């Protein structure tokens, strides 16, 4: 992640001590990987560290269309959200 991402994460973590960065890579979804990692930032070292997580239960297949609607623009290289000035 970029230096700008670190600055953004710093603001989030100062506002809320449980803030995390979710990094999605849909190309990593393969049955073993869920296609994302969760990170927090250490501001003294200016480094990111991975946050361990576990998914409990099963995915409700009825959620798949919504998940795909969210992920398809990312796969196509489009922004997942609009900038503030758009």
PDB file of N, CA and C in Angstrom:
ATOM      1  N   UNK A   1       0.839  -1.175   0.000  1.00  0.00           N
ATOM      2  CA  UNK A   1       0.000   0.000   0.000  1.00  0.00           C
ATOM      3  C   UNK A   1       0.886   1.241   0.000  1.00  0.00           C
ATOM      4  N   UNK A   2       0.318   2.316  -0.440  1.00  0.00           N
ATOM      5  CA  UNK A   2       1.094   3.538  -0.647  1.00  0.00           C
ATOM      6  C   UNK A   2       1.276   4.334   0.647  1.00  0.00           C
ATOM      7  N   UNK A   3       2.129   5.334   0.565  1.00  0.00           N
ATOM      8  CA  UNK A   3       2.330   6.253   1.693  1.00  0.00           C
ATOM      9  C   UNK A   3       1.026   6.994   1.989  1.00  0.00           C
ATOM     10  N   UNK A   4       0.282   7.314   0.928  1.00  0.00           N
ATOM     11  CA  UNK A   4      -1.016   7.973   1.106  1.00  0.00           C
ATOM     12  C   UNK A   4      -1.976   7.054   1.857  1.00  0.00           C
ATOM     13  N   UNK A   5      -1.958   5.762   1.530  1.00  0.00           N
ATOM     14  CA  UNK A   5      -2.798   4.799   2.244  1.00  0.00           C
ATOM     15  C   UNK A   5      -2.439   4.767   3.724  1.00  0.00           C
ATOM     16  N   UNK A   6      -1.148   4.848   4.026  1.00  0.00           N
ATOM     17  CA  UNK A   6      -0.700   4.838   5.415  1.00  0.00           C
ATOM     18  C   UNK A   6      -1.239   6.063   6.150  1.00  0.00           C
ATOM     19  N   UNK A   7      -1.212   7.217   5.490  1.00  0.00           N
ATOM     20  CA  UNK A   7      -1.751   8.432   6.092  1.00  0.00           C
ATOM     21  C   UNK A   7      -3.247   8.335   6.331  1.00  0.00           C
ATOM     22  N   UNK A   8      -3.961   7.785   5.369  1.00  0.00           N
ATOM     23  CA  UNK A   8      -5.407   7.595   5.524  1.00  0.00           C
ATOM     24  C   UNK A   8      -5.690   6.648   6.678  1.00  0.00           C
ATOM     25  N   UNK A   9      -4.948   5.543   6.730  1.00  0.00           N
ATOM     26  CA  UNK A   9      -5.146   4.573   7.803  1.00  0.00           C
ATOM     27  C   UNK A   9      -4.816   5.194   9.159  1.00  0.00           C
ATOM     28  N   UNK A  10      -3.828   6.057   9.213  1.00  0.00           N
ATOM     29  CA  UNK A  10      -3.471   6.735  10.467  1.00  0.00           C
ATOM     30  C   UNK A  10      -4.663   7.529  10.987  1.00  0.00           C
ATOM     31  N   UNK A  11      -5.322   8.260  10.096  1.00  0.00           N
ATOM     32  CA  UNK A  11      -6.500   9.028  10.516  1.00  0.00           C
ATOM     33  C   UNK A  11      -7.606   8.109  11.015  1.00  0.00           C
ATOM     34  N   UNK A  12      -7.860   7.015  10.297  1.00  0.00           N
ATOM     35  CA  UNK A  12      -8.908   6.087  10.723  1.00  0.00           C
ATOM     36  C   UNK A  12      -8.584   5.467  12.074  1.00  0.00           C
ATOM     37  N   UNK A  13      -7.345   5.025  12.262  1.00  0.00           N
ATOM     38  CA  UNK A  13      -6.975   4.366  13.510  1.00  0.00           C
ATOM     39  C   UNK A  13      -6.965   5.342  14.684  1.00  0.00           C
ATOM     40  N   UNK A  14      -6.727   6.620  14.431  1.00  0.00           N
ATOM     41  CA  UNK A  14      -6.792   7.611  15.509  1.00  0.00           C
ATOM     42  C   UNK A  14      -8.238   7.877  15.897  1.00  0.00           C
ATOM     43  N   UNK A  15      -9.135   7.841  14.915  1.00  0.00           N
ATOM     44  CA  UNK A  15     -10.555   8.065  15.195  1.00  0.00           C
ATOM     45  C   UNK A  15     -11.223   6.848  15.819  1.00  0.00           C
ATOM     46  N   UNK A  16     -10.768   5.656  15.424  1.00  0.00           N
ATOM     47  CA  UNK A  16     -11.383   4.417  15.915  1.00  0.00           C
ATOM     48  C   UNK A  16     -10.288   3.377  16.048  1.00  0.00           C
ATOM     49  N   UNK A  17     -10.029   2.924  17.270  1.00  0.00           N
ATOM     50  CA  UNK A  17      -8.886   2.036  17.505  1.00  0.00           C
ATOM     51  C   UNK A  17      -9.045   0.645  16.905  1.00  0.00           C
ATOM     52  N   UNK A  18     -10.210   0.314  16.383  1.00  0.00           N
ATOM     53  CA  UNK A  18     -10.409  -0.995  15.748  1.00  0.00           C
ATOM     54  C   UNK A  18     -10.397  -0.908  14.219  1.00  0.00           C
ATOM     55  N   UNK A  19     -10.045   0.243  13.673  1.00  0.00           N
ATOM     56  CA  UNK A  19     -10.042   0.432  12.218  1.00  0.00           C
ATOM     57  C   UNK A  19      -9.027  -0.501  11.558  1.00  0.00           C
ATOM     58  N   UNK A  20      -9.417  -1.055  10.418  1.00  0.00           N
ATOM     59  CA  UNK A  20      -8.547  -1.940   9.639  1.00  0.00           C
ATOM     60  C   UNK A  20      -8.607  -1.539   8.168  1.00  0.00           C
ATOM     61  N   UNK A  21      -7.630  -2.013   7.418  1.00  0.00           N
ATOM     62  CA  UNK A  21      -7.626  -1.828   5.963  1.00  0.00           C
ATOM     63  C   UNK A  21      -7.933  -3.180   5.332  1.00  0.00           C
ATOM     64  N   UNK A  22      -8.925  -3.218   4.485  1.00  0.00           N
ATOM     65  CA  UNK A  22      -9.316  -4.438   3.781  1.00  0.00           C
ATOM     66  C   UNK A  22      -8.779  -4.342   2.358  1.00  0.00           C
ATOM     67  N   UNK A  23      -7.906  -5.267   1.987  1.00  0.00           N
ATOM     68  CA  UNK A  23      -7.298  -5.271   0.658  1.00  0.00           C
ATOM     69  C   UNK A  23      -7.860  -6.462  -0.111  1.00  0.00           C
ATOM     70  N   UNK A  24      -8.575  -6.161  -1.193  1.00  0.00           N
ATOM     71  CA  UNK A  24      -9.255  -7.194  -1.978  1.00  0.00           C
ATOM     72  C   UNK A  24      -8.471  -7.471  -3.255  1.00  0.00           C
ATOM     73  N   UNK A  25      -8.249  -8.744  -3.520  1.00  0.00           N
ATOM     74  CA  UNK A  25      -7.652  -9.175  -4.787  1.00  0.00           C
ATOM     75  C   UNK A  25      -8.499 -10.326  -5.319  1.00  0.00           C
ATOM     76  N   UNK A  26      -9.512 -10.020  -6.143  1.00  0.00           N
ATOM     77  CA  UNK A  26     -10.432 -11.063  -6.601  1.00  0.00           C
ATOM     78  C   UNK A  26      -9.747 -12.170  -7.385  1.00  0.00           C
ATOM     79  N   UNK A  27      -8.568 -11.912  -7.921  1.00  0.00           N
ATOM     80  CA  UNK A  27      -7.854 -12.944  -8.676  1.00  0.00           C
ATOM     81  C   UNK A  27      -7.260 -14.013  -7.763  1.00  0.00           C
ATOM     82  N   UNK A  28      -7.239 -13.751  -6.453  1.00  0.00           N
ATOM     83  CA  UNK A  28      -6.704 -14.725  -5.499  1.00  0.00           C
ATOM     84  C   UNK A  28      -7.764 -15.714  -5.008  1.00  0.00           C
ATOM     85  N   UNK A  29      -9.022 -15.487  -5.354  1.00  0.00           N
ATOM     86  CA  UNK A  29     -10.093 -16.380  -4.905  1.00  0.00           C
ATOM     87  C   UNK A  29      -9.948 -17.701  -5.640  1.00  0.00           C
ATOM     88  N   UNK A  30      -9.707 -18.766  -4.886  1.00  0.00           N
ATOM     89  CA  UNK A  30      -9.437 -20.047  -5.536  1.00  0.00           C
ATOM     90  C   UNK A  30      -9.950 -21.248  -4.743  1.00  0.00           C
ATOM     91  N   UNK A  31     -10.771 -21.029  -3.758  1.00  0.00           N
ATOM     92  CA  UNK A  31     -11.252 -22.133  -2.935  1.00  0.00           C
ATOM     93  C   UNK A  31     -10.457 -22.277  -1.654  1.00  0.00           C
ATOM     94  N   UNK A  32      -9.203 -21.827  -1.668  1.00  0.00           N
ATOM     95  CA  UNK A  32      -8.385 -21.820  -0.454  1.00  0.00           C
ATOM     96  C   UNK A  32      -8.231 -20.404   0.090  1.00  0.00           C
ATOM     97  N   UNK A  33      -8.208 -19.438  -0.807  1.00  0.00           N
ATOM     98  CA  UNK A  33      -8.082 -18.033  -0.424  1.00  0.00           C
ATOM     99  C   UNK A  33      -9.416 -17.338  -0.668  1.00  0.00           C
ATOM    100  N   UNK A  34      -9.780 -16.450   0.267  1.00  0.00           N
ATOM    101  CA  UNK A  34     -11.027 -15.702   0.109  1.00  0.00           C
ATOM    102  C   UNK A  34     -10.840 -14.451  -0.740  1.00  0.00           C
ATOM    103  N   UNK A  35      -9.600 -14.161  -1.127  1.00  0.00           N
ATOM    104  CA  UNK A  35      -9.354 -13.041  -2.023  1.00  0.00           C
ATOM    105  C   UNK A  35      -9.152 -11.713  -1.330  1.00  0.00           C
ATOM    106  N   UNK A  36      -8.987 -11.722  -0.017  1.00  0.00           N
ATOM    107  CA  UNK A  36      -8.691 -10.472   0.676  1.00  0.00           C
ATOM    108  C   UNK A  36      -7.836 -10.735   1.902  1.00  0.00           C
ATOM    109  N   UNK A  37      -7.183  -9.675   2.339  1.00  0.00           N
ATOM    110  CA  UNK A  37      -6.391  -9.679   3.568  1.00  0.00           C
ATOM    111  C   UNK A  37      -6.791  -8.458   4.378  1.00  0.00           C
ATOM    112  N   UNK A  38      -6.602  -8.536   5.680  1.00  0.00           N
ATOM    113  CA  UNK A  38      -6.919  -7.435   6.585  1.00  0.00           C
ATOM    114  C   UNK A  38      -5.609  -6.951   7.202  1.00  0.00           C
ATOM    115  N   UNK A  39      -5.434  -5.628   7.236  1.00  0.00           N
ATOM    116  CA  UNK A  39      -4.189  -5.046   7.742  1.00  0.00           C
ATOM    117  C   UNK A  39      -4.466  -3.917   8.722  1.00  0.00           C
ATOM    118  N   UNK A  40      -3.478  -3.679   9.575  1.00  0.00           N
ATOM    119  CA  UNK A  40      -3.400  -2.474  10.396  1.00  0.00           C
ATOM    120  C   UNK A  40      -2.024  -1.874  10.174  1.00  0.00           C
ATOM    121  N   UNK A  41      -1.874  -0.630  10.545  1.00  0.00           N
ATOM    122  CA  UNK A  41      -0.600   0.054  10.340  1.00  0.00           C
ATOM    123  C   UNK A  41       0.095   0.300  11.673  1.00  0.00           C
ATOM    124  N   UNK A  42       1.416   0.155  11.661  1.00  0.00           N
ATOM    125  CA  UNK A  42       2.254   0.544  12.785  1.00  0.00           C
ATOM    126  C   UNK A  42       2.907   1.854  12.364  1.00  0.00           C
ATOM    127  N   UNK A  43       2.538   2.933  13.033  1.00  0.00           N
ATOM    128  CA  UNK A  43       2.982   4.253  12.585  1.00  0.00           C
ATOM    129  C   UNK A  43       4.405   4.578  13.013  1.00  0.00           C
ATOM    130  N   UNK A  44       4.891   3.910  14.035  1.00  0.00           N
ATOM    131  CA  UNK A  44       6.288   4.132  14.442  1.00  0.00           C
ATOM    132  C   UNK A  44       7.243   3.555  13.402  1.00  0.00           C
ATOM    133  N   UNK A  45       6.924   2.364  12.897  1.00  0.00           N
ATOM    134  CA  UNK A  45       7.787   1.724  11.897  1.00  0.00           C
ATOM    135  C   UNK A  45       7.358   2.049  10.466  1.00  0.00           C
ATOM    136  N   UNK A  46       6.176   2.663  10.331  1.00  0.00           N
ATOM    137  CA  UNK A  46       5.597   2.967   9.014  1.00  0.00           C
ATOM    138  C   UNK A  46       5.458   1.709   8.166  1.00  0.00           C
ATOM    139  N   UNK A  47       4.999   0.648   8.814  1.00  0.00           N
ATOM    140  CA  UNK A  47       4.806  -0.633   8.130  1.00  0.00           C
ATOM    141  C   UNK A  47       3.402  -1.148   8.408  1.00  0.00           C
ATOM    142  N   UNK A  48       2.958  -1.990   7.483  1.00  0.00           N
ATOM    143  CA  UNK A  48       1.668  -2.658   7.616  1.00  0.00           C
ATOM    144  C   UNK A  48       1.890  -4.033   8.218  1.00  0.00           C
ATOM    145  N   UNK A  49       0.930  -4.494   9.008  1.00  0.00           N
ATOM    146  CA  UNK A  49       0.991  -5.873   9.474  1.00  0.00           C
ATOM    147  C   UNK A  49      -0.367  -6.525   9.263  1.00  0.00           C
ATOM    148  N   UNK A  50      -0.313  -7.787   8.946  1.00  0.00           N
ATOM    149  CA  UNK A  50      -1.519  -8.557   8.655  1.00  0.00           C
ATOM    150  C   UNK A  50      -2.254  -8.876   9.952  1.00  0.00           C
ATOM    151  N   UNK A  51      -3.570  -8.780   9.909  1.00  0.00           N
ATOM    152  CA  UNK A  51      -4.410  -9.116  11.053  1.00  0.00           C
ATOM    153  C   UNK A  51      -5.007 -10.494  10.795  1.00  0.00           C
ATOM    154  N   UNK A  52      -4.728 -11.455  11.675  1.00  0.00           N
ATOM    155  CA  UNK A  52      -5.312 -12.785  11.465  1.00  0.00           C
ATOM    156  C   UNK A  52      -6.834 -12.729  11.595  1.00  0.00           C
ATOM    157  N   UNK A  53      -7.512 -13.491  10.773  1.00  0.00           N
ATOM    158  CA  UNK A  53      -8.971 -13.541  10.850  1.00  0.00           C
ATOM    159  C   UNK A  53      -9.432 -14.945  10.496  1.00  0.00           C
ATOM    160  N   UNK A  54     -10.641 -15.235  10.872  1.00  0.00           N
ATOM    161  CA  UNK A  54     -11.233 -16.537  10.599  1.00  0.00           C
ATOM    162  C   UNK A  54     -12.676 -16.307  10.172  1.00  0.00           C
ATOM    163  N   UNK A  55     -13.112 -16.995   9.163  1.00  0.00           N
ATOM    164  CA  UNK A  55     -14.499 -16.894   8.713  1.00  0.00           C
ATOM    165  C   UNK A  55     -15.255 -18.066   9.304  1.00  0.00           C
ATOM    166  N   UNK A  56     -16.283 -17.739  10.054  1.00  0.00           N
ATOM    167  CA  UNK A  56     -17.064 -18.785  10.713  1.00  0.00           C
ATOM    168  C   UNK A  56     -18.363 -18.997   9.954  1.00  0.00           C
ATOM    169  N   UNK A  57     -18.774 -20.218   9.867  1.00  0.00           N
ATOM    170  CA  UNK A  57     -20.018 -20.531   9.187  1.00  0.00           C
ATOM    171  C   UNK A  57     -19.828 -20.638   7.687  1.00  0.00           C
ATOM    172  N   UNK A  58     -20.934 -20.681   6.995  1.00  0.00           N
ATOM    173  CA  UNK A  58     -20.916 -20.850   5.545  1.00  0.00           C
ATOM    174  C   UNK A  58     -21.434 -19.590   4.876  1.00  0.00           C
ATOM    175  N   UNK A  59     -20.978 -19.360   3.674  1.00  0.00           N
ATOM    176  CA  UNK A  59     -21.452 -18.238   2.884  1.00  0.00           C
ATOM    177  C   UNK A  59     -22.859 -18.539   2.389  1.00  0.00           C
ATOM    178  N   UNK A  60     -23.742 -17.603   2.584  1.00  0.00           N
ATOM    179  CA  UNK A  60     -25.103 -17.728   2.070  1.00  0.00           C
ATOM    180  C   UNK A  60     -25.052 -17.424   0.569  1.00  0.00           C
ATOM    181  N   UNK A  61     -25.312 -18.418  -0.258  1.00  0.00           N
ATOM    182  CA  UNK A  61     -25.184 -18.248  -1.710  1.00  0.00           C
ATOM    183  C   UNK A  61     -26.096 -17.151  -2.255  1.00  0.00           C
ATOM    184  N   UNK A  62     -27.123 -16.778  -1.530  1.00  0.00           N
ATOM    185  CA  UNK A  62     -27.991 -15.686  -1.977  1.00  0.00           C
ATOM    186  C   UNK A  62     -27.245 -14.356  -1.990  1.00  0.00           C
ATOM    187  N   UNK A  63     -26.100 -14.289  -1.290  1.00  0.00           N
ATOM    188  CA  UNK A  63     -25.299 -13.060  -1.256  1.00  0.00           C
ATOM    189  C   UNK A  63     -24.394 -12.918  -2.478  1.00  0.00           C
ATOM    190  N   UNK A  64     -24.194 -13.993  -3.234  1.00  0.00           N
ATOM    191  CA  UNK A  64     -23.242 -13.970  -4.343  1.00  0.00           C
ATOM    192  C   UNK A  64     -23.513 -12.876  -5.380  1.00  0.00           C
ATOM    193  N   UNK A  65     -24.763 -12.650  -5.813  1.00  0.00           N
ATOM    194  CA  UNK A  65     -24.971 -11.568  -6.795  1.00  0.00           C
ATOM    195  C   UNK A  65     -24.505 -10.206  -6.275  1.00  0.00           C
ATOM    196  N   UNK A  66     -24.756  -9.913  -5.003  1.00  0.00           N
ATOM    197  CA  UNK A  66     -24.318  -8.635  -4.440  1.00  0.00           C
ATOM    198  C   UNK A  66     -22.801  -8.565  -4.333  1.00  0.00           C
ATOM    199  N   UNK A  67     -22.177  -9.667  -3.959  1.00  0.00           N
ATOM    200  CA  UNK A  67     -20.719  -9.706  -3.875  1.00  0.00           C
ATOM    201  C   UNK A  67     -20.114  -9.487  -5.256  1.00  0.00           C
ATOM    202  N   UNK A  68     -20.677 -10.136  -6.266  1.00  0.00           N
ATOM    203  CA  UNK A  68     -20.179  -9.961  -7.637  1.00  0.00           C
ATOM    204  C   UNK A  68     -20.391  -8.537  -8.132  1.00  0.00           C
ATOM    205  N   UNK A  69     -21.540  -7.932  -7.805  1.00  0.00           N
ATOM    206  CA  UNK A  69     -21.786  -6.542  -8.193  1.00  0.00           C
ATOM    207  C   UNK A  69     -20.727  -5.619  -7.604  1.00  0.00           C
ATOM    208  N   UNK A  70     -20.296  -5.925  -6.386  1.00  0.00           N
ATOM    209  CA  UNK A  70     -19.261  -5.119  -5.742  1.00  0.00           C
ATOM    210  C   UNK A  70     -17.888  -5.376  -6.359  1.00  0.00           C
ATOM    211  N   UNK A  71     -17.575  -6.634  -6.646  1.00  0.00           N
ATOM    212  CA  UNK A  71     -16.227  -6.995  -7.077  1.00  0.00           C
ATOM    213  C   UNK A  71     -15.968  -6.793  -8.569  1.00  0.00           C
ATOM    214  N   UNK A  72     -16.984  -6.899  -9.404  1.00  0.00           N
ATOM    215  CA  UNK A  72     -16.767  -6.772 -10.852  1.00  0.00           C
ATOM    216  C   UNK A  72     -16.116  -5.450 -11.262  1.00  0.00           C
ATOM    217  N   UNK A  73     -16.552  -4.301 -10.731  1.00  0.00           N
ATOM    218  CA  UNK A  73     -15.844  -3.066 -11.103  1.00  0.00           C
ATOM    219  C   UNK A  73     -14.370  -3.093 -10.693  1.00  0.00           C
ATOM    220  N   UNK A  74     -14.059  -3.707  -9.569  1.00  0.00           N
ATOM    221  CA  UNK A  74     -12.667  -3.806  -9.118  1.00  0.00           C
ATOM    222  C   UNK A  74     -11.876  -4.654 -10.100  1.00  0.00           C
ATOM    223  N   UNK A  75     -12.454  -5.774 -10.511  1.00  0.00           N
ATOM    224  CA  UNK A  75     -11.793  -6.660 -11.471  1.00  0.00           C
ATOM    225  C   UNK A  75     -11.540  -5.927 -12.787  1.00  0.00           C
ATOM    226  N   UNK A  76     -12.491  -5.071 -13.180  1.00  0.00           N
ATOM    227  CA  UNK A  76     -12.377  -4.325 -14.435  1.00  0.00           C
ATOM    228  C   UNK A  76     -11.488  -3.092 -14.309  1.00  0.00           C
ATOM    229  N   UNK A  77     -10.942  -2.851 -13.116  1.00  0.00           N
ATOM    230  CA  UNK A  77     -10.056  -1.706 -12.912  1.00  0.00           C
ATOM    231  C   UNK A  77     -10.774  -0.400 -12.668  1.00  0.00           C
ATOM    232  N   UNK A  78     -12.066  -0.463 -12.399  1.00  0.00           N
ATOM    233  CA  UNK A  78     -12.840   0.746 -12.116  1.00  0.00           C
ATOM    234  C   UNK A  78     -12.838   0.993 -10.606  1.00  0.00           C
ATOM    235  N   UNK A  79     -13.047   2.247 -10.181  1.00  0.00           N
ATOM    236  CA  UNK A  79     -13.090   2.506  -8.741  1.00  0.00           C
ATOM    237  C   UNK A  79     -14.318   1.852  -8.118  1.00  0.00           C
ATOM    238  N   UNK A  80     -14.155   1.395  -6.900  1.00  0.00           N
ATOM    239  CA  UNK A  80     -15.268   0.772  -6.182  1.00  0.00           C
ATOM    240  C   UNK A  80     -16.146   1.830  -5.526  1.00  0.00           C
ATOM    241  N   UNK A  81     -15.675   3.061  -5.510  1.00  0.00           N
ATOM    242  CA  UNK A  81     -16.429   4.154  -4.920  1.00  0.00           C
ATOM    243  C   UNK A  81     -16.148   5.414  -5.726  1.00  0.00           C
ATOM    244  N   UNK A  82     -16.987   6.396  -5.571  1.00  0.00           N
ATOM    245  CA  UNK A  82     -16.784   7.661  -6.270  1.00  0.00           C
ATOM    246  C   UNK A  82     -15.930   8.579  -5.414  1.00  0.00           C
ATOM    247  N   UNK A  83     -15.114   9.381  -6.047  1.00  0.00           N
ATOM    248  CA  UNK A  83     -14.324  10.373  -5.320  1.00  0.00           C
ATOM    249  C   UNK A  83     -15.269  11.427  -4.763  1.00  0.00           C
ATOM    250  N   UNK A  84     -14.800  12.174  -3.783  1.00  0.00           N
ATOM    251  CA  UNK A  84     -15.642  13.178  -3.134  1.00  0.00           C
ATOM    252  C   UNK A  84     -16.165  14.223  -4.105  1.00  0.00           C
ATOM    253  N   UNK A  85     -15.384  14.563  -5.113  1.00  0.00           N
ATOM    254  CA  UNK A  85     -15.791  15.629  -6.019  1.00  0.00           C
ATOM    255  C   UNK A  85     -16.566  15.146  -7.232  1.00  0.00           C
ATOM    256  N   UNK A  86     -16.901  13.881  -7.284  1.00  0.00           N
ATOM    257  CA  UNK A  86     -17.648  13.366  -8.444  1.00  0.00           C
ATOM    258  C   UNK A  86     -19.137  13.458  -8.208  1.00  0.00           C
TER     259      UNK A  86
END
